[in-house]
Amino acid sequence: MADDWMDKIEDRLAALETRNAVDTVHRDNVTDRLVAIEDMLKWLVRLIIGGLLLGGLTFALQGGLTI
């Protein structure tokens, strides 16, 4: 009876260790993906702001709102 109890405890401990290892790897992968998304959004914002600034500069150099 004590051997069955120890076997069950060992099985539960092994399952917890496996789950913890999987969660750690998953957490690392999610972190890497989020960093990549943040970098991509940063460059997207830079491109949009740069495009707007160049559009405004082009508009101003072509005469702007001359009346």
PDB file of N, CA and C in Angstrom:
ATOM      1  N   MET A   1       0.819  -1.186   0.000  1.00  0.00           N
ATOM      2  CA  MET A   1       0.000   0.000   0.000  1.00  0.00           C
ATOM      3  C   MET A   1       0.872   1.263   0.000  1.00  0.00           C
ATOM      4  N   ALA A   2       1.931   1.236   0.775  1.00  0.00           N
ATOM      5  CA  ALA A   2       2.820   2.380   0.821  1.00  0.00           C
ATOM      6  C   ALA A   2       3.554   2.541  -0.511  1.00  0.00           C
ATOM      7  N   ASP A   3       3.853   1.422  -1.176  1.00  0.00           N
ATOM      8  CA  ASP A   3       4.531   1.491  -2.473  1.00  0.00           C
ATOM      9  C   ASP A   3       3.630   2.124  -3.527  1.00  0.00           C
ATOM     10  N   ASP A   4       2.353   1.794  -3.502  1.00  0.00           N
ATOM     11  CA  ASP A   4       1.400   2.403  -4.445  1.00  0.00           C
ATOM     12  C   ASP A   4       1.315   3.906  -4.220  1.00  0.00           C
ATOM     13  N   TRP A   5       1.281   4.289  -2.951  1.00  0.00           N
ATOM     14  CA  TRP A   5       1.196   5.716  -2.624  1.00  0.00           C
ATOM     15  C   TRP A   5       2.441   6.456  -3.116  1.00  0.00           C
ATOM     16  N   MET A   6       3.622   5.878  -2.906  1.00  0.00           N
ATOM     17  CA  MET A   6       4.866   6.493  -3.365  1.00  0.00           C
ATOM     18  C   MET A   6       4.924   6.562  -4.893  1.00  0.00           C
ATOM     19  N   ASP A   7       4.444   5.518  -5.553  1.00  0.00           N
ATOM     20  CA  ASP A   7       4.422   5.527  -7.020  1.00  0.00           C
ATOM     21  C   ASP A   7       3.519   6.643  -7.548  1.00  0.00           C
ATOM     22  N   LYS A   8       2.371   6.818  -6.907  1.00  0.00           N
ATOM     23  CA  LYS A   8       1.455   7.880  -7.320  1.00  0.00           C
ATOM     24  C   LYS A   8       2.076   9.253  -7.099  1.00  0.00           C
ATOM     25  N   ILE A   9       2.753   9.423  -5.980  1.00  0.00           N
ATOM     26  CA  ILE A   9       3.414  10.695  -5.680  1.00  0.00           C
ATOM     27  C   ILE A   9       4.518  10.966  -6.702  1.00  0.00           C
ATOM     28  N   GLU A  10       5.301   9.942  -7.019  1.00  0.00           N
ATOM     29  CA  GLU A  10       6.368  10.103  -8.003  1.00  0.00           C
ATOM     30  C   GLU A  10       5.803  10.437  -9.381  1.00  0.00           C
ATOM     31  N   ASP A  11       4.712   9.801  -9.758  1.00  0.00           N
ATOM     32  CA  ASP A  11       4.080  10.088 -11.045  1.00  0.00           C
ATOM     33  C   ASP A  11       3.565  11.528 -11.093  1.00  0.00           C
ATOM     34  N   ARG A  12       2.945  11.965  -9.994  1.00  0.00           N
ATOM     35  CA  ARG A  12       2.437  13.337  -9.948  1.00  0.00           C
ATOM     36  C   ARG A  12       3.578  14.339  -9.995  1.00  0.00           C
ATOM     37  N   LEU A  13       4.675  14.038  -9.301  1.00  0.00           N
ATOM     38  CA  LEU A  13       5.832  14.921  -9.306  1.00  0.00           C
ATOM     39  C   LEU A  13       6.442  14.991 -10.705  1.00  0.00           C
ATOM     40  N   ALA A  14       6.555  13.866 -11.385  1.00  0.00           N
ATOM     41  CA  ALA A  14       7.097  13.850 -12.741  1.00  0.00           C
ATOM     42  C   ALA A  14       6.193  14.649 -13.683  1.00  0.00           C
ATOM     43  N   ALA A  15       4.881  14.527 -13.522  1.00  0.00           N
ATOM     44  CA  ALA A  15       3.946  15.278 -14.358  1.00  0.00           C
ATOM     45  C   ALA A  15       4.084  16.779 -14.101  1.00  0.00           C
ATOM     46  N   LEU A  16       4.237  17.166 -12.841  1.00  0.00           N
ATOM     47  CA  LEU A  16       4.410  18.577 -12.514  1.00  0.00           C
ATOM     48  C   LEU A  16       5.716  19.123 -13.081  1.00  0.00           C
ATOM     49  N   GLU A  17       6.782  18.360 -12.992  1.00  0.00           N
ATOM     50  CA  GLU A  17       8.059  18.807 -13.534  1.00  0.00           C
ATOM     51  C   GLU A  17       7.984  18.958 -15.046  1.00  0.00           C
ATOM     52  N   THR A  18       7.325  18.022 -15.707  1.00  0.00           N
ATOM     53  CA  THR A  18       7.162  18.100 -17.156  1.00  0.00           C
ATOM     54  C   THR A  18       6.329  19.321 -17.535  1.00  0.00           C
ATOM     55  N   ARG A  19       5.228  19.538 -16.828  1.00  0.00           N
ATOM     56  CA  ARG A  19       4.372  20.683 -17.108  1.00  0.00           C
ATOM     57  C   ARG A  19       5.134  21.983 -16.881  1.00  0.00           C
ATOM     58  N   ASN A  20       5.941  22.038 -15.829  1.00  0.00           N
ATOM     59  CA  ASN A  20       6.725  23.234 -15.542  1.00  0.00           C
ATOM     60  C   ASN A  20       7.738  23.495 -16.657  1.00  0.00           C
ATOM     61  N   ALA A  21       8.383  22.455 -17.160  1.00  0.00           N
ATOM     62  CA  ALA A  21       9.352  22.613 -18.249  1.00  0.00           C
ATOM     63  C   ALA A  21       8.672  23.101 -19.513  1.00  0.00           C
ATOM     64  N   VAL A  22       7.506  22.549 -19.823  1.00  0.00           N
ATOM     65  CA  VAL A  22       6.759  22.969 -21.010  1.00  0.00           C
ATOM     66  C   VAL A  22       6.308  24.418 -20.868  1.00  0.00           C
ATOM     67  N   ASP A  23       5.820  24.788 -19.703  1.00  0.00           N
ATOM     68  CA  ASP A  23       5.387  26.171 -19.466  1.00  0.00           C
ATOM     69  C   ASP A  23       6.544  27.149 -19.596  1.00  0.00           C
ATOM     70  N   THR A  24       7.713  26.770 -19.128  1.00  0.00           N
ATOM     71  CA  THR A  24       8.882  27.640 -19.232  1.00  0.00           C
ATOM     72  C   THR A  24       9.253  27.875 -20.687  1.00  0.00           C
ATOM     73  N   VAL A  25       9.276  26.827 -21.471  1.00  0.00           N
ATOM     74  CA  VAL A  25       9.598  26.961 -22.895  1.00  0.00           C
ATOM     75  C   VAL A  25       8.532  27.795 -23.597  1.00  0.00           C
ATOM     76  N   HIS A  26       7.279  27.556 -23.279  1.00  0.00           N
ATOM     77  CA  HIS A  26       6.185  28.317 -23.882  1.00  0.00           C
ATOM     78  C   HIS A  26       6.304  29.795 -23.528  1.00  0.00           C
ATOM     79  N   ARG A  27       6.599  30.093 -22.288  1.00  0.00           N
ATOM     80  CA  ARG A  27       6.740  31.478 -21.837  1.00  0.00           C
ATOM     81  C   ARG A  27       7.890  32.169 -22.572  1.00  0.00           C
ATOM     82  N   ASP A  28       8.998  31.459 -22.768  1.00  0.00           N
ATOM     83  CA  ASP A  28      10.131  32.029 -23.502  1.00  0.00           C
ATOM     84  C   ASP A  28       9.759  32.314 -24.957  1.00  0.00           C
ATOM     85  N   ASN A  29       9.020  31.390 -25.581  1.00  0.00           N
ATOM     86  CA  ASN A  29       8.602  31.589 -26.963  1.00  0.00           C
ATOM     87  C   ASN A  29       7.656  32.777 -27.086  1.00  0.00           C
ATOM     88  N   VAL A  30       6.735  32.917 -26.160  1.00  0.00           N
ATOM     89  CA  VAL A  30       5.796  34.030 -26.186  1.00  0.00           C
ATOM     90  C   VAL A  30       6.540  35.345 -26.013  1.00  0.00           C
ATOM     91  N   THR A  31       7.511  35.373 -25.132  1.00  0.00           N
ATOM     92  CA  THR A  31       8.307  36.583 -24.922  1.00  0.00           C
ATOM     93  C   THR A  31       9.041  36.967 -26.199  1.00  0.00           C
ATOM     94  N   ASP A  32       9.647  35.995 -26.861  1.00  0.00           N
ATOM     95  CA  ASP A  32      10.363  36.277 -28.106  1.00  0.00           C
ATOM     96  C   ASP A  32       9.413  36.813 -29.176  1.00  0.00           C
ATOM     97  N   ARG A  33       8.234  36.233 -29.276  1.00  0.00           N
ATOM     98  CA  ARG A  33       7.254  36.692 -30.269  1.00  0.00           C
ATOM     99  C   ARG A  33       6.787  38.105 -29.967  1.00  0.00           C
ATOM    100  N   LEU A  34       6.553  38.408 -28.709  1.00  0.00           N
ATOM    101  CA  LEU A  34       6.110  39.749 -28.343  1.00  0.00           C
ATOM    102  C   LEU A  34       7.180  40.787 -28.631  1.00  0.00           C
ATOM    103  N   VAL A  35       8.422  40.450 -28.390  1.00  0.00           N
ATOM    104  CA  VAL A  35       9.520  41.371 -28.693  1.00  0.00           C
ATOM    105  C   VAL A  35       9.574  41.628 -30.197  1.00  0.00           C
ATOM    106  N   ALA A  36       9.405  40.588 -30.997  1.00  0.00           N
ATOM    107  CA  ALA A  36       9.423  40.745 -32.450  1.00  0.00           C
ATOM    108  C   ALA A  36       8.257  41.614 -32.919  1.00  0.00           C
ATOM    109  N   ILE A  37       7.085  41.432 -32.336  1.00  0.00           N
ATOM    110  CA  ILE A  37       5.919  42.238 -32.698  1.00  0.00           C
ATOM    111  C   ILE A  37       6.148  43.695 -32.315  1.00  0.00           C
ATOM    112  N   GLU A  38       6.699  43.937 -31.137  1.00  0.00           N
ATOM    113  CA  GLU A  38       6.978  45.309 -30.708  1.00  0.00           C
ATOM    114  C   GLU A  38       7.967  45.987 -31.645  1.00  0.00           C
ATOM    115  N   ASP A  39       9.008  45.267 -32.067  1.00  0.00           N
ATOM    116  CA  ASP A  39       9.980  45.836 -32.993  1.00  0.00           C
ATOM    117  C   ASP A  39       9.328  46.165 -34.337  1.00  0.00           C
ATOM    118  N   MET A  40       8.478  45.277 -34.811  1.00  0.00           N
ATOM    119  CA  MET A  40       7.802  45.507 -36.083  1.00  0.00           C
ATOM    120  C   MET A  40       6.877  46.715 -35.995  1.00  0.00           C
ATOM    121  N   LEU A  41       6.159  46.851 -34.909  1.00  0.00           N
ATOM    122  CA  LEU A  41       5.269  48.002 -34.737  1.00  0.00           C
ATOM    123  C   LEU A  41       6.062  49.305 -34.637  1.00  0.00           C
ATOM    124  N   LYS A  42       7.221  49.246 -33.990  1.00  0.00           N
ATOM    125  CA  LYS A  42       8.059  50.433 -33.878  1.00  0.00           C
ATOM    126  C   LYS A  42       8.469  50.913 -35.267  1.00  0.00           C
ATOM    127  N   TRP A  43       8.892  49.999 -36.141  1.00  0.00           N
ATOM    128  CA  TRP A  43       9.294  50.390 -37.480  1.00  0.00           C
ATOM    129  C   TRP A  43       8.111  50.831 -38.322  1.00  0.00           C
ATOM    130  N   LEU A  44       6.969  50.206 -38.121  1.00  0.00           N
ATOM    131  CA  LEU A  44       5.768  50.618 -38.848  1.00  0.00           C
ATOM    132  C   LEU A  44       5.391  52.051 -38.498  1.00  0.00           C
ATOM    133  N   VAL A  45       5.436  52.394 -37.227  1.00  0.00           N
ATOM    134  CA  VAL A  45       5.131  53.766 -36.793  1.00  0.00           C
ATOM    135  C   VAL A  45       6.155  54.738 -37.375  1.00  0.00           C
ATOM    136  N   ARG A  46       7.414  54.367 -37.377  1.00  0.00           N
ATOM    137  CA  ARG A  46       8.447  55.228 -37.953  1.00  0.00           C
ATOM    138  C   ARG A  46       8.187  55.474 -39.436  1.00  0.00           C
ATOM    139  N   LEU A  47       7.813  54.428 -40.162  1.00  0.00           N
ATOM    140  CA  LEU A  47       7.541  54.583 -41.587  1.00  0.00           C
ATOM    141  C   LEU A  47       6.331  55.479 -41.835  1.00  0.00           C
ATOM    142  N   ILE A  48       5.284  55.321 -41.047  1.00  0.00           N
ATOM    143  CA  ILE A  48       4.087  56.137 -41.220  1.00  0.00           C
ATOM    144  C   ILE A  48       4.389  57.594 -40.918  1.00  0.00           C
ATOM    145  N   ILE A  49       5.067  57.862 -39.811  1.00  0.00           N
ATOM    146  CA  ILE A  49       5.405  59.237 -39.456  1.00  0.00           C
ATOM    147  C   ILE A  49       6.343  59.838 -40.501  1.00  0.00           C
ATOM    148  N   GLY A  50       7.311  59.083 -40.963  1.00  0.00           N
ATOM    149  CA  GLY A  50       8.221  59.557 -42.004  1.00  0.00           C
ATOM    150  C   GLY A  50       7.482  59.879 -43.296  1.00  0.00           C
ATOM    151  N   GLY A  51       6.535  59.026 -43.674  1.00  0.00           N
ATOM    152  CA  GLY A  51       5.743  59.277 -44.876  1.00  0.00           C
ATOM    153  C   GLY A  51       4.908  60.544 -44.754  1.00  0.00           C
ATOM    154  N   LEU A  52       4.307  60.742 -43.590  1.00  0.00           N
ATOM    155  CA  LEU A  52       3.516  61.951 -43.377  1.00  0.00           C
ATOM    156  C   LEU A  52       4.398  63.203 -43.416  1.00  0.00           C
ATOM    157  N   LEU A  53       5.565  63.134 -42.795  1.00  0.00           N
ATOM    158  CA  LEU A  53       6.474  64.282 -42.820  1.00  0.00           C
ATOM    159  C   LEU A  53       6.951  64.594 -44.236  1.00  0.00           C
ATOM    160  N   LEU A  54       7.303  63.570 -44.997  1.00  0.00           N
ATOM    161  CA  LEU A  54       7.742  63.798 -46.368  1.00  0.00           C
ATOM    162  C   LEU A  54       6.602  64.311 -47.240  1.00  0.00           C
ATOM    163  N   GLY A  55       5.395  63.818 -47.001  1.00  0.00           N
ATOM    164  CA  GLY A  55       4.242  64.332 -47.736  1.00  0.00           C
ATOM    165  C   GLY A  55       4.004  65.801 -47.428  1.00  0.00           C
ATOM    166  N   GLY A  56       4.107  66.172 -46.163  1.00  0.00           N
ATOM    167  CA  GLY A  56       3.948  67.580 -45.780  1.00  0.00           C
ATOM    168  C   GLY A  56       5.043  68.449 -46.363  1.00  0.00           C
ATOM    169  N   LEU A  57       6.266  67.967 -46.365  1.00  0.00           N
ATOM    170  CA  LEU A  57       7.385  68.707 -46.935  1.00  0.00           C
ATOM    171  C   LEU A  57       7.206  68.878 -48.441  1.00  0.00           C
ATOM    172  N   THR A  58       6.781  67.840 -49.125  1.00  0.00           N
ATOM    173  CA  THR A  58       6.545  67.916 -50.563  1.00  0.00           C
ATOM    174  C   THR A  58       5.432  68.915 -50.857  1.00  0.00           C
ATOM    175  N   PHE A  59       4.377  68.873 -50.089  1.00  0.00           N
ATOM    176  CA  PHE A  59       3.262  69.805 -50.260  1.00  0.00           C
ATOM    177  C   PHE A  59       3.736  71.241 -50.068  1.00  0.00           C
ATOM    178  N   ALA A  60       4.533  71.481 -49.038  1.00  0.00           N
ATOM    179  CA  ALA A  60       5.016  72.831 -48.754  1.00  0.00           C
ATOM    180  C   ALA A  60       5.963  73.305 -49.854  1.00  0.00           C
ATOM    181  N   LEU A  61       6.822  72.448 -50.373  1.00  0.00           N
ATOM    182  CA  LEU A  61       7.765  72.845 -51.411  1.00  0.00           C
ATOM    183  C   LEU A  61       7.089  73.093 -52.757  1.00  0.00           C
ATOM    184  N   GLN A  62       5.930  72.516 -52.990  1.00  0.00           N
ATOM    185  CA  GLN A  62       5.219  72.714 -54.245  1.00  0.00           C
ATOM    186  C   GLN A  62       4.292  73.919 -54.204  1.00  0.00           C
ATOM    187  N   GLY A  63       4.338  74.670 -53.167  1.00  0.00           N
ATOM    188  CA  GLY A  63       3.525  75.882 -53.115  1.00  0.00           C
ATOM    189  C   GLY A  63       2.585  75.907 -51.939  1.00  0.00           C
ATOM    190  N   GLY A  64       2.254  74.797 -51.376  1.00  0.00           N
ATOM    191  CA  GLY A  64       1.399  74.743 -50.209  1.00  0.00           C
ATOM    192  C   GLY A  64       0.009  75.307 -50.464  1.00  0.00           C
ATOM    193  N   LEU A  65      -0.469  76.140 -49.569  1.00  0.00           N
ATOM    194  CA  LEU A  65      -1.824  76.690 -49.648  1.00  0.00           C
ATOM    195  C   LEU A  65      -1.794  78.129 -50.164  1.00  0.00           C
ATOM    196  N   THR A  66      -1.183  78.326 -51.301  1.00  0.00           N
ATOM    197  CA  THR A  66      -1.142  79.677 -51.858  1.00  0.00           C
ATOM    198  C   THR A  66      -2.529  80.109 -52.302  1.00  0.00           C
ATOM    199  N   ILE A  67      -2.831  81.340 -51.997  1.00  0.00           N
ATOM    200  CA  ILE A  67      -4.154  81.853 -52.352  1.00  0.00           C
ATOM    201  C   ILE A  67      -4.011  82.896 -53.421  1.00  0.00           C
TER     202      ILE A  67
END
